[in-house]
């Protein structure tokens, strides 16, 4: 194994389902409420900060519905997630896959997670991924290793895919999070030393950019159509008002006669 050396910058993409608490992990790493708790946006969110003497950039990707397959995910979510890697120039040191340790992890969750990551970033994504288990102080096990054993084969299989790299970050009301964040950085350093940085798949990102361009064009066309329809409706209403005024004037003239 290559010797891990710490870098002055760290660029990472945070992935996970909508209920994984990606925001919590991002906020713990940056030491501030950088990300909103509501994971309802279809867009990536990029935040920066100085942490443990490093310049850290985190991109939180849109979450998928837990247990729902790739085909059930909106195209816009898939496009934005693929493009998340372009928001951390010059490149990605790693992917942080967040799993909520307060929830069960079954076979379907393993399959969905693998399908999503490989669709978005290719099969080599696992060489650049570390699992971070999140919790809000309600971890039902004494240790995260107890949780892993309790969930059995599906979770063990997922961890095998990413070289058994994992960490745990939670809101447990203590001041030890910066120590844990530094430990996470050291694990990412070791991952980068072993496998280098993630190489962006230009074919995937180019296809996603073209897809987003088509979506933007369609949205603009719909906006223009709606504007034209509003103008047409406005003209029709004005025409009706003019007719009403004419009828009123004629009625008044007839009454004078």
Protein backbone atom coordinates (compact mmCIF):
# COMPACT_ATOMS: atom_id res chain seq x y z
CA UNK A 1 0.00 0.00 0.00
CA UNK A 2 1.26 3.46 -0.87
CA UNK A 3 2.00 5.86 1.94
CA UNK A 4 -0.83 8.32 2.45
CA UNK A 5 0.13 11.96 2.40
CA UNK A 6 -2.25 14.67 3.46
CA UNK A 7 -3.29 17.21 0.80
CA UNK A 8 -4.07 20.87 1.28
CA UNK A 9 -7.38 20.55 -0.52
CA UNK A 10 -10.10 17.96 -0.45
CA UNK A 11 -12.88 17.68 -3.01
CA UNK A 12 -15.64 15.15 -2.46
CA UNK A 13 -19.14 14.33 -3.67
CA UNK A 14 -21.68 13.25 -1.05
CA UNK A 15 -24.10 10.56 -2.26
CA UNK A 16 -27.02 8.73 -0.72
CA UNK A 17 -30.76 8.32 -0.52
CA UNK A 18 -33.06 11.12 0.58
CA UNK A 19 -33.27 9.61 4.07
CA UNK A 20 -29.53 9.03 4.47
CA UNK A 21 -28.92 12.42 6.15
CA UNK A 22 -26.32 13.58 3.63
CA UNK A 23 -26.86 17.11 4.93
CA UNK A 24 -25.84 16.02 8.43
CA UNK A 25 -22.57 14.49 7.26
CA UNK A 26 -21.79 17.56 5.15
CA UNK A 27 -22.51 19.91 8.05
CA UNK A 28 -20.40 17.88 10.49
CA UNK A 29 -17.47 17.89 8.07
CA UNK A 30 -17.67 21.64 7.44
CA UNK A 31 -18.50 22.40 11.07
CA UNK A 32 -21.44 24.63 10.17
CA UNK A 33 -25.05 24.47 8.95
CA UNK A 34 -23.98 24.64 5.34
CA UNK A 35 -26.61 22.27 3.93
CA UNK A 36 -30.36 22.41 4.51
CA UNK A 37 -31.98 19.41 6.20
CA UNK A 38 -34.71 19.22 3.54
CA UNK A 39 -33.53 17.11 0.62
CA UNK A 40 -36.16 18.16 -1.91
CA UNK A 41 -34.05 19.86 -4.58
CA UNK A 42 -33.15 18.28 -7.91
CA UNK A 43 -29.94 20.32 -8.05
CA UNK A 44 -26.48 19.68 -6.63
CA UNK A 45 -25.40 21.86 -3.73
CA UNK A 46 -21.79 23.01 -3.48
CA UNK A 47 -20.29 24.28 -0.22
CA UNK A 48 -16.75 25.19 0.81
CA UNK A 49 -14.84 25.66 4.03
CA UNK A 50 -11.49 25.52 5.81
CA UNK A 51 -11.34 22.33 7.87
CA UNK A 52 -8.35 20.78 9.64
CA UNK A 53 -6.01 23.10 7.71
CA UNK A 54 -7.49 22.02 4.40
CA UNK A 55 -9.56 23.77 1.77
CA UNK A 56 -12.60 21.51 1.56
CA UNK A 57 -15.20 21.50 -1.21
CA UNK A 58 -18.26 19.29 -0.83
CA UNK A 59 -20.93 18.71 -3.45
CA UNK A 60 -24.15 17.17 -2.14
CA UNK A 61 -25.89 15.35 -4.95
CA UNK A 62 -29.68 14.93 -5.22
CA UNK A 63 -30.90 11.95 -3.22
CA UNK A 64 -32.81 8.98 -4.55
CA UNK A 65 -35.90 7.52 -2.91
CA UNK A 66 -34.74 4.73 -0.63
CA UNK A 67 -35.47 1.32 -2.08
CA UNK A 68 -36.65 2.73 -5.43
CA UNK A 69 -34.83 1.52 -8.52
CA UNK A 70 -32.97 3.64 -11.03
CA UNK A 71 -35.79 3.52 -13.55
CA UNK A 72 -38.09 5.16 -10.99
CA UNK A 73 -35.79 8.17 -10.57
CA UNK A 74 -36.51 11.36 -12.58
CA UNK A 75 -34.15 11.98 -15.47
CA UNK A 76 -33.27 15.39 -14.07
CA UNK A 77 -31.98 13.82 -10.83
CA UNK A 78 -29.83 11.38 -12.78
CA UNK A 79 -28.43 14.13 -14.99
CA UNK A 80 -27.56 16.44 -12.11
CA UNK A 81 -25.92 13.65 -10.13
CA UNK A 82 -23.68 12.68 -13.03
CA UNK A 83 -22.66 16.34 -13.43
CA UNK A 84 -21.83 16.67 -9.72
CA UNK A 85 -18.22 15.68 -10.45
CA UNK A 86 -17.78 18.75 -12.66
CA UNK A 87 -18.39 21.09 -9.69
CA UNK A 88 -15.10 20.22 -7.97
CA UNK A 89 -12.29 21.33 -10.27
CA UNK A 90 -9.65 20.18 -10.85
CA UNK A 91 -10.93 16.76 -9.74
CA UNK A 92 -12.57 14.50 -7.17
CA UNK A 93 -10.56 12.94 -4.34
CA UNK A 94 -13.43 10.66 -3.40
CA UNK A 95 -17.11 9.90 -3.04
CA UNK A 96 -18.73 9.85 0.38
CA UNK A 97 -21.59 7.35 0.32
CA UNK A 98 -23.85 8.10 3.28
CA UNK A 99 -25.90 5.30 4.85
CA UNK A 100 -28.30 6.01 7.70
CA UNK A 101 -27.34 3.63 10.50
CA UNK A 102 -30.73 4.17 12.14
CA UNK A 103 -32.41 2.25 9.31
CA UNK A 104 -32.18 -1.38 8.18
CA UNK A 105 -30.05 -2.18 5.14
CA UNK A 106 -31.55 -5.02 3.11
CA UNK A 107 -30.76 -6.75 -0.17
CA UNK A 108 -32.86 -4.29 -2.17
CA UNK A 109 -30.94 -1.35 -0.69
CA UNK A 110 -27.63 -2.92 -1.68
CA UNK A 111 -28.81 -3.51 -5.25
CA UNK A 112 -30.28 -0.02 -5.63
CA UNK A 113 -27.15 1.65 -4.23
CA UNK A 114 -24.83 -0.30 -6.52
CA UNK A 115 -27.00 0.35 -9.56
CA UNK A 116 -27.11 4.08 -8.88
CA UNK A 117 -23.38 4.57 -8.31
CA UNK A 118 -22.29 2.47 -11.27
CA UNK A 119 -24.81 4.17 -13.57
CA UNK A 120 -23.64 7.61 -12.48
CA UNK A 121 -19.89 7.10 -12.29
CA UNK A 122 -18.91 3.76 -13.82
CA UNK A 123 -17.76 0.50 -12.23
CA UNK A 124 -14.48 2.01 -11.01
CA UNK A 125 -16.41 4.30 -8.66
CA UNK A 126 -15.87 1.76 -5.86
CA UNK A 127 -12.10 2.39 -5.90
CA UNK A 128 -12.85 5.98 -4.87
CA UNK A 129 -15.75 5.50 -2.45
CA UNK A 130 -15.88 5.47 1.34
CA UNK A 131 -19.08 4.68 3.24
CA UNK A 132 -19.96 7.08 6.05
CA UNK A 133 -22.62 5.86 8.46
CA UNK A 134 -24.79 8.69 9.78
CA UNK A 135 -26.89 8.89 12.91
CA UNK A 136 -28.54 11.56 15.04
CA UNK A 137 -27.63 10.14 18.40
CA UNK A 138 -30.09 7.24 18.12
CA UNK A 139 -27.73 4.47 17.06
CA UNK A 140 -29.30 1.24 18.29
CA UNK A 141 -25.96 -0.55 18.55
CA UNK A 142 -22.96 -0.09 20.83
CA UNK A 143 -20.59 0.19 17.86
CA UNK A 144 -20.91 0.57 14.11
CA UNK A 145 -19.36 -2.88 13.76
CA UNK A 146 -22.35 -4.26 15.68
CA UNK A 147 -24.65 -2.55 13.18
CA UNK A 148 -22.71 -4.02 10.23
CA UNK A 149 -22.90 -7.52 11.72
CA UNK A 150 -26.58 -7.08 12.51
CA UNK A 151 -27.50 -6.11 8.94
CA UNK A 152 -25.70 -9.13 7.57
CA UNK A 153 -24.70 -10.08 4.03
CA UNK A 154 -26.16 -7.11 2.03
CA UNK A 155 -24.21 -4.48 3.95
CA UNK A 156 -21.05 -6.59 4.12
CA UNK A 157 -21.23 -7.08 0.36
CA UNK A 158 -21.51 -3.34 -0.24
CA UNK A 159 -18.54 -2.64 2.02
CA UNK A 160 -16.51 -5.28 0.17
CA UNK A 161 -17.19 -3.40 -3.06
CA UNK A 162 -15.43 -0.29 -1.73
CA UNK A 163 -12.53 -2.10 -0.07
CA UNK A 164 -14.10 -2.18 3.42
CA UNK A 165 -13.63 1.57 3.76
CA UNK A 166 -16.11 3.05 6.21
CA UNK A 167 -16.44 5.67 8.90
CA UNK A 168 -19.16 6.97 11.21
CA UNK A 169 -20.31 10.53 11.86
CA UNK A 170 -23.25 11.43 14.02
CA UNK A 171 -24.90 14.20 15.96
CA UNK A 172 -24.25 12.79 19.41
CA UNK A 173 -24.00 16.07 21.30
CA UNK A 174 -20.24 15.83 21.93
CA UNK A 175 -17.29 17.95 20.81
CA UNK A 176 -15.42 15.00 19.28
CA UNK A 177 -16.64 15.49 15.72
CA UNK A 178 -13.55 17.36 14.50
CA UNK A 179 -11.40 14.45 15.66
CA UNK A 180 -13.64 12.09 13.69
CA UNK A 181 -13.61 14.41 10.67
CA UNK A 182 -9.80 14.42 10.68
CA UNK A 183 -9.86 10.62 10.87
CA UNK A 184 -12.17 10.59 7.84
CA UNK A 185 -9.76 12.81 5.95
CA UNK A 186 -6.92 10.43 6.76
CA UNK A 187 -8.93 7.51 5.39
CA UNK A 188 -9.61 9.47 2.20
CA UNK A 189 -5.88 10.29 1.97
CA UNK A 190 -5.12 6.57 2.16
CA UNK A 191 -7.73 5.84 -0.52
CA UNK A 192 -6.23 8.46 -2.84
CA UNK A 193 -2.71 7.14 -2.20
CA UNK A 194 -3.89 3.66 -3.13
CA UNK A 195 -6.14 4.44 -6.10
CA UNK A 196 -5.35 8.07 -7.11
CA UNK A 197 -8.16 10.55 -7.74
CA UNK A 198 -11.36 9.68 -9.57
CA UNK A 199 -11.00 10.08 -13.33
CA UNK A 200 -14.10 11.79 -14.69
CA UNK A 201 -15.78 9.82 -17.48
CA UNK A 202 -16.08 12.48 -20.15
CA UNK A 203 -18.54 10.44 -22.22
CA UNK A 204 -20.96 10.27 -19.29
CA UNK A 205 -20.69 13.95 -18.39
CA UNK A 206 -20.95 15.07 -22.02
CA UNK A 207 -24.10 13.00 -22.49
CA UNK A 208 -25.53 14.46 -19.27
CA UNK A 209 -24.72 18.01 -20.40
CA UNK A 210 -26.49 17.42 -23.71
CA UNK A 211 -29.46 15.97 -21.85
CA UNK A 212 -29.62 18.98 -19.53
CA UNK A 213 -29.39 21.31 -22.52
CA UNK A 214 -32.39 19.59 -24.11
CA UNK A 215 -34.33 19.89 -20.84
CA UNK A 216 -33.44 23.58 -20.58
CA UNK A 217 -34.52 24.16 -24.19
CA UNK A 218 -37.84 22.42 -23.61
CA UNK A 219 -38.37 24.43 -20.43
CA UNK A 220 -37.67 27.65 -22.32
CA UNK A 221 -40.09 26.63 -25.09
CA UNK A 222 -42.79 25.91 -22.52
CA UNK A 223 -42.12 29.26 -20.83
CA UNK A 224 -42.47 31.11 -24.13
CA UNK A 225 -45.66 29.20 -24.99
CA UNK A 226 -47.12 30.06 -21.59
CA UNK A 227 -46.19 33.71 -22.07
CA UNK A 228 -47.81 33.77 -25.52
CA UNK A 229 -50.96 32.15 -24.14
CA UNK A 230 -51.11 34.74 -21.34
CA UNK A 231 -50.76 37.55 -23.90
CA UNK A 232 -53.45 36.01 -26.10
CA UNK A 233 -55.77 35.62 -23.15
CA UNK A 234 -55.07 39.20 -22.10
CA UNK A 235 -55.88 40.48 -25.58
CA UNK A 236 -59.11 38.48 -25.63
CA UNK A 237 -60.13 39.92 -22.26
CA UNK A 238 -59.33 43.45 -23.43
CA UNK A 239 -61.40 42.85 -26.57
CA UNK A 240 -64.34 41.67 -24.46
CA UNK A 241 -64.04 44.72 -22.23
CA UNK A 242 -64.10 46.96 -25.29
CA UNK A 243 -67.26 45.22 -26.51
CA UNK A 244 -68.86 45.65 -23.10
CA UNK A 245 -68.04 49.37 -23.13
CA UNK A 246 -69.46 49.74 -26.65
CA UNK A 247 -72.65 47.91 -25.68
CA UNK A 248 -72.98 50.13 -22.62
CA UNK A 249 -72.56 53.31 -24.69
CA UNK A 250 -75.16 52.13 -27.22
CA UNK A 251 -77.56 51.30 -24.41
CA UNK A 252 -77.13 54.76 -22.91
CA UNK A 253 -77.70 56.41 -26.30
CA UNK A 254 -80.88 54.40 -26.83
CA UNK A 255 -82.14 55.50 -23.41
CA UNK A 256 -81.53 59.19 -24.32
CA UNK A 257 -83.47 58.79 -27.54
